[in-house]
N, C-alpha and C. Protein backbone atom coordinates (compact mmCIF):
# COMPACT_ATOMS: atom_id res chain seq x y z
N MET A 1 4.05 102.38 34.86
CA MET A 1 3.40 101.99 36.08
C MET A 1 3.94 102.78 37.26
N ASP A 2 3.11 102.99 38.21
CA ASP A 2 3.46 103.70 39.42
C ASP A 2 4.18 102.75 40.39
N THR A 3 5.21 103.24 41.05
CA THR A 3 5.98 102.42 41.99
C THR A 3 5.11 101.93 43.14
N ASP A 4 4.25 102.79 43.68
CA ASP A 4 3.37 102.38 44.77
C ASP A 4 2.43 101.26 44.32
N THR A 5 1.94 101.36 43.10
CA THR A 5 1.06 100.33 42.57
C THR A 5 1.81 99.00 42.45
N ASP A 6 3.06 99.07 41.99
CA ASP A 6 3.88 97.86 41.87
C ASP A 6 4.08 97.20 43.24
N TYR A 7 4.42 98.01 44.25
CA TYR A 7 4.63 97.45 45.58
C TYR A 7 3.36 96.84 46.15
N ARG A 8 2.23 97.51 45.92
CA ARG A 8 0.96 96.96 46.40
C ARG A 8 0.65 95.64 45.72
N ARG A 9 0.88 95.56 44.43
CA ARG A 9 0.62 94.34 43.67
C ARG A 9 1.53 93.19 44.16
N ILE A 10 2.79 93.50 44.38
CA ILE A 10 3.74 92.49 44.88
C ILE A 10 3.33 92.02 46.26
N ARG A 11 2.93 92.96 47.11
CA ARG A 11 2.49 92.60 48.46
C ARG A 11 1.26 91.69 48.42
N GLU A 12 0.31 92.01 47.56
CA GLU A 12 -0.89 91.18 47.42
C GLU A 12 -0.52 89.76 46.99
N LEU A 13 0.38 89.65 46.02
CA LEU A 13 0.80 88.34 45.54
C LEU A 13 1.50 87.54 46.64
N LEU A 14 2.36 88.20 47.40
CA LEU A 14 3.06 87.52 48.49
C LEU A 14 2.09 87.08 49.58
N GLU A 15 1.12 87.93 49.90
CA GLU A 15 0.13 87.56 50.92
C GLU A 15 -0.70 86.36 50.46
N ARG A 16 -1.03 86.32 49.19
CA ARG A 16 -1.78 85.17 48.67
C ARG A 16 -0.94 83.90 48.71
N ALA A 17 0.33 84.04 48.36
CA ALA A 17 1.23 82.88 48.39
C ALA A 17 1.39 82.34 49.81
N VAL A 18 1.53 83.23 50.78
CA VAL A 18 1.67 82.82 52.18
C VAL A 18 0.39 82.13 52.65
N ALA A 19 -0.75 82.71 52.32
CA ALA A 19 -2.03 82.12 52.72
C ALA A 19 -2.20 80.72 52.10
N LEU A 20 -1.84 80.59 50.85
CA LEU A 20 -1.94 79.30 50.17
C LEU A 20 -1.00 78.27 50.82
N GLY A 21 0.21 78.71 51.14
CA GLY A 21 1.17 77.82 51.79
C GLY A 21 0.67 77.34 53.14
N ARG A 22 0.04 78.23 53.90
CA ARG A 22 -0.51 77.84 55.20
C ARG A 22 -1.67 76.87 55.02
N GLU A 23 -2.53 77.11 54.04
CA GLU A 23 -3.66 76.22 53.78
C GLU A 23 -3.18 74.81 53.42
N GLN A 24 -2.14 74.74 52.61
CA GLN A 24 -1.64 73.45 52.15
C GLN A 24 -0.68 72.81 53.15
N GLY A 25 -0.30 73.56 54.18
CA GLY A 25 0.61 73.02 55.18
C GLY A 25 2.05 72.95 54.72
N THR A 26 2.39 73.70 53.68
CA THR A 26 3.76 73.66 53.17
C THR A 26 4.60 74.82 53.67
N LEU A 27 4.00 75.77 54.36
CA LEU A 27 4.74 76.93 54.87
C LEU A 27 5.13 76.67 56.31
N GLN A 28 6.42 76.76 56.60
CA GLN A 28 6.93 76.53 57.95
C GLN A 28 7.18 77.87 58.62
N GLN A 29 6.97 77.92 59.90
CA GLN A 29 7.22 79.14 60.67
C GLN A 29 8.69 79.19 61.07
N GLY A 30 9.26 80.37 61.12
CA GLY A 30 10.63 80.56 61.59
C GLY A 30 11.64 79.87 60.70
N ASN A 31 12.83 79.63 61.26
CA ASN A 31 13.89 79.00 60.48
C ASN A 31 14.14 77.57 60.92
N ALA A 32 13.18 76.98 61.61
CA ALA A 32 13.32 75.59 62.06
C ALA A 32 13.21 74.64 60.87
N HIS A 33 13.71 73.43 61.10
CA HIS A 33 13.59 72.41 60.07
C HIS A 33 12.13 72.06 59.87
N PRO A 34 11.73 71.71 58.67
CA PRO A 34 10.36 71.23 58.49
C PRO A 34 10.16 69.96 59.32
N ASP A 35 8.97 69.78 59.84
CA ASP A 35 8.70 68.65 60.72
C ASP A 35 8.95 67.31 60.06
N TYR A 36 8.80 67.23 58.75
CA TYR A 36 8.94 65.96 58.07
C TYR A 36 10.39 65.57 57.80
N LYS A 37 11.33 66.46 58.05
CA LYS A 37 12.71 66.17 57.71
C LYS A 37 13.34 65.13 58.65
N TRP A 38 13.01 65.17 59.92
CA TRP A 38 13.60 64.25 60.88
C TRP A 38 12.47 63.47 61.57
N PRO A 39 12.72 62.20 61.87
CA PRO A 39 11.70 61.43 62.59
C PRO A 39 11.61 61.91 64.04
N PRO A 40 10.54 61.58 64.74
CA PRO A 40 10.46 61.94 66.16
C PRO A 40 11.63 61.32 66.93
N LEU A 41 12.09 62.01 67.94
CA LEU A 41 13.24 61.53 68.71
C LEU A 41 12.99 60.15 69.30
N SER A 42 11.78 59.87 69.69
CA SER A 42 11.46 58.56 70.27
C SER A 42 11.57 57.44 69.24
N ALA A 43 11.52 57.79 67.95
CA ALA A 43 11.58 56.78 66.89
C ALA A 43 13.00 56.56 66.34
N VAL A 44 13.95 57.36 66.76
CA VAL A 44 15.32 57.23 66.26
C VAL A 44 15.95 55.98 66.86
N ASN A 45 16.46 55.10 66.00
CA ASN A 45 17.05 53.86 66.50
C ASN A 45 18.56 53.77 66.28
N SER A 46 19.19 54.80 65.76
CA SER A 46 20.64 54.80 65.61
C SER A 46 21.26 55.35 66.91
N PRO A 47 22.48 54.95 67.22
CA PRO A 47 23.10 55.40 68.47
C PRO A 47 23.49 56.88 68.47
N THR A 48 23.74 57.43 67.28
CA THR A 48 24.12 58.84 67.19
C THR A 48 23.41 59.49 65.99
N VAL A 49 23.37 60.82 66.02
CA VAL A 49 22.83 61.59 64.89
C VAL A 49 23.79 62.72 64.58
N GLY A 50 23.64 63.28 63.39
CA GLY A 50 24.49 64.39 62.97
C GLY A 50 24.11 65.69 63.67
N THR A 51 24.91 66.71 63.42
CA THR A 51 24.74 67.99 64.10
C THR A 51 23.40 68.65 63.81
N GLU A 52 22.99 68.72 62.56
CA GLU A 52 21.74 69.40 62.23
C GLU A 52 20.53 68.67 62.83
N GLN A 53 20.57 67.36 62.81
CA GLN A 53 19.46 66.59 63.38
C GLN A 53 19.43 66.76 64.90
N ALA A 54 20.58 66.71 65.54
CA ALA A 54 20.65 66.92 66.99
C ALA A 54 20.17 68.33 67.35
N ALA A 55 20.54 69.30 66.54
CA ALA A 55 20.11 70.68 66.79
C ALA A 55 18.60 70.79 66.72
N TYR A 56 18.00 70.10 65.77
CA TYR A 56 16.55 70.09 65.64
C TYR A 56 15.90 69.55 66.91
N TYR A 57 16.40 68.42 67.40
CA TYR A 57 15.83 67.81 68.59
C TYR A 57 16.03 68.66 69.83
N LEU A 58 17.15 69.36 69.91
CA LEU A 58 17.46 70.17 71.08
C LEU A 58 16.90 71.58 70.98
N GLY A 59 16.32 71.93 69.84
CA GLY A 59 15.74 73.26 69.68
C GLY A 59 16.79 74.36 69.58
N ARG A 60 17.92 74.02 69.01
CA ARG A 60 19.01 74.98 68.83
C ARG A 60 19.42 75.00 67.37
N LYS A 61 20.30 75.91 67.03
CA LYS A 61 20.86 75.94 65.68
C LYS A 61 22.11 75.06 65.67
N GLY A 62 22.44 74.56 64.49
CA GLY A 62 23.60 73.70 64.35
C GLY A 62 24.88 74.36 64.83
N GLN A 63 25.00 75.65 64.59
CA GLN A 63 26.21 76.37 64.99
C GLN A 63 26.37 76.39 66.51
N THR A 64 25.26 76.41 67.23
CA THR A 64 25.33 76.38 68.69
C THR A 64 25.94 75.06 69.15
N LEU A 65 25.52 73.96 68.53
CA LEU A 65 26.08 72.66 68.90
C LEU A 65 27.56 72.57 68.53
N ARG A 66 27.93 73.16 67.42
CA ARG A 66 29.35 73.16 67.04
C ARG A 66 30.17 73.95 68.07
N GLU A 67 29.59 75.02 68.58
CA GLU A 67 30.27 75.80 69.62
C GLU A 67 30.41 74.97 70.89
N TRP A 68 29.35 74.24 71.27
CA TRP A 68 29.43 73.36 72.43
C TRP A 68 30.58 72.37 72.26
N ALA A 69 30.71 71.81 71.07
CA ALA A 69 31.76 70.83 70.80
C ALA A 69 33.14 71.49 70.86
N CYS A 70 33.26 72.66 70.27
CA CYS A 70 34.55 73.36 70.20
C CYS A 70 35.06 73.74 71.58
N PHE A 71 34.16 74.28 72.41
CA PHE A 71 34.56 74.76 73.74
C PHE A 71 34.27 73.76 74.86
N ASP A 72 33.87 72.54 74.47
CA ASP A 72 33.62 71.46 75.42
C ASP A 72 32.64 71.88 76.52
N ARG A 73 31.49 72.40 76.08
CA ARG A 73 30.44 72.77 77.03
C ARG A 73 29.09 72.39 76.44
N GLY A 74 28.03 72.63 77.18
CA GLY A 74 26.69 72.29 76.73
C GLY A 74 26.23 71.00 77.39
N PRO A 75 24.95 70.71 77.31
CA PRO A 75 24.41 69.55 77.99
C PRO A 75 24.73 68.21 77.33
N VAL A 76 25.17 68.24 76.09
CA VAL A 76 25.48 67.00 75.36
C VAL A 76 26.88 67.13 74.77
N ARG A 77 27.68 66.10 74.96
CA ARG A 77 29.04 66.07 74.39
C ARG A 77 29.02 65.18 73.15
N PRO A 78 29.57 65.65 72.05
CA PRO A 78 29.56 64.83 70.83
C PRO A 78 30.73 63.85 70.79
N LEU A 79 30.58 62.87 69.92
CA LEU A 79 31.68 61.97 69.57
C LEU A 79 32.24 62.49 68.26
N ARG A 80 33.53 62.32 68.06
CA ARG A 80 34.14 62.72 66.80
C ARG A 80 34.46 61.45 66.01
N VAL A 81 33.79 61.30 64.89
CA VAL A 81 33.95 60.11 64.06
C VAL A 81 34.48 60.56 62.71
N ASN A 82 35.72 60.19 62.40
CA ASN A 82 36.36 60.59 61.13
C ASN A 82 36.25 62.09 60.90
N GLY A 83 36.46 62.86 61.95
CA GLY A 83 36.46 64.31 61.83
C GLY A 83 35.07 64.94 61.82
N ARG A 84 34.05 64.15 62.00
CA ARG A 84 32.67 64.66 62.02
C ARG A 84 32.08 64.49 63.41
N LEU A 85 31.20 65.42 63.76
CA LEU A 85 30.55 65.35 65.06
C LEU A 85 29.32 64.46 64.99
N GLN A 86 29.23 63.56 65.93
CA GLN A 86 28.06 62.70 66.08
C GLN A 86 27.56 62.85 67.51
N TRP A 87 26.25 63.06 67.65
CA TRP A 87 25.66 63.35 68.94
C TRP A 87 24.91 62.13 69.45
N PRO A 88 25.20 61.69 70.69
CA PRO A 88 24.59 60.46 71.22
C PRO A 88 23.09 60.64 71.50
N VAL A 89 22.30 59.79 70.86
CA VAL A 89 20.84 59.85 70.98
C VAL A 89 20.38 59.62 72.43
N PRO A 90 20.95 58.64 73.17
CA PRO A 90 20.48 58.44 74.55
C PRO A 90 20.62 59.70 75.42
N ARG A 91 21.71 60.41 75.23
CA ARG A 91 21.92 61.64 76.03
C ARG A 91 20.94 62.73 75.59
N ILE A 92 20.68 62.86 74.30
CA ILE A 92 19.70 63.84 73.81
C ILE A 92 18.32 63.53 74.40
N ARG A 93 17.97 62.24 74.39
CA ARG A 93 16.68 61.84 74.98
C ARG A 93 16.62 62.21 76.47
N GLU A 94 17.71 61.97 77.17
CA GLU A 94 17.77 62.28 78.60
C GLU A 94 17.58 63.78 78.83
N VAL A 95 18.30 64.59 78.06
CA VAL A 95 18.21 66.04 78.20
C VAL A 95 16.81 66.55 77.90
N MET A 96 16.18 65.97 76.88
CA MET A 96 14.86 66.42 76.45
C MET A 96 13.73 65.74 77.20
N GLY A 97 14.05 64.76 78.03
CA GLY A 97 13.02 64.08 78.80
C GLY A 97 12.15 63.15 77.98
N VAL A 98 12.73 62.59 76.93
CA VAL A 98 11.99 61.66 76.06
C VAL A 98 12.34 60.24 76.48
N PRO A 99 11.34 59.41 76.76
CA PRO A 99 11.66 58.02 77.14
C PRO A 99 12.27 57.25 75.97
N ALA A 100 13.13 56.30 76.31
CA ALA A 100 13.82 55.51 75.28
C ALA A 100 12.89 54.53 74.60
């Protein structure tokens, strides 16, 4: 087989897979969390959330929030519970302008 033919065939298969994923709603854009992974911020009833969930709500990556915690900066300050970062939901709502 010709290398160009192989690449064309692979590209066609990938394009079909992407189109199918978009049709079925299973393909997510970018590196954001899938929408179904976390409930809407207005529906969260726990006082705190973990780093990845807070990052999703704030539109940042988890590592950015860890940096905020490490250098004590950013719009939200985490709580440290048993060595883990927990982010206060009321403050996230305030920053994002979501009513409680």
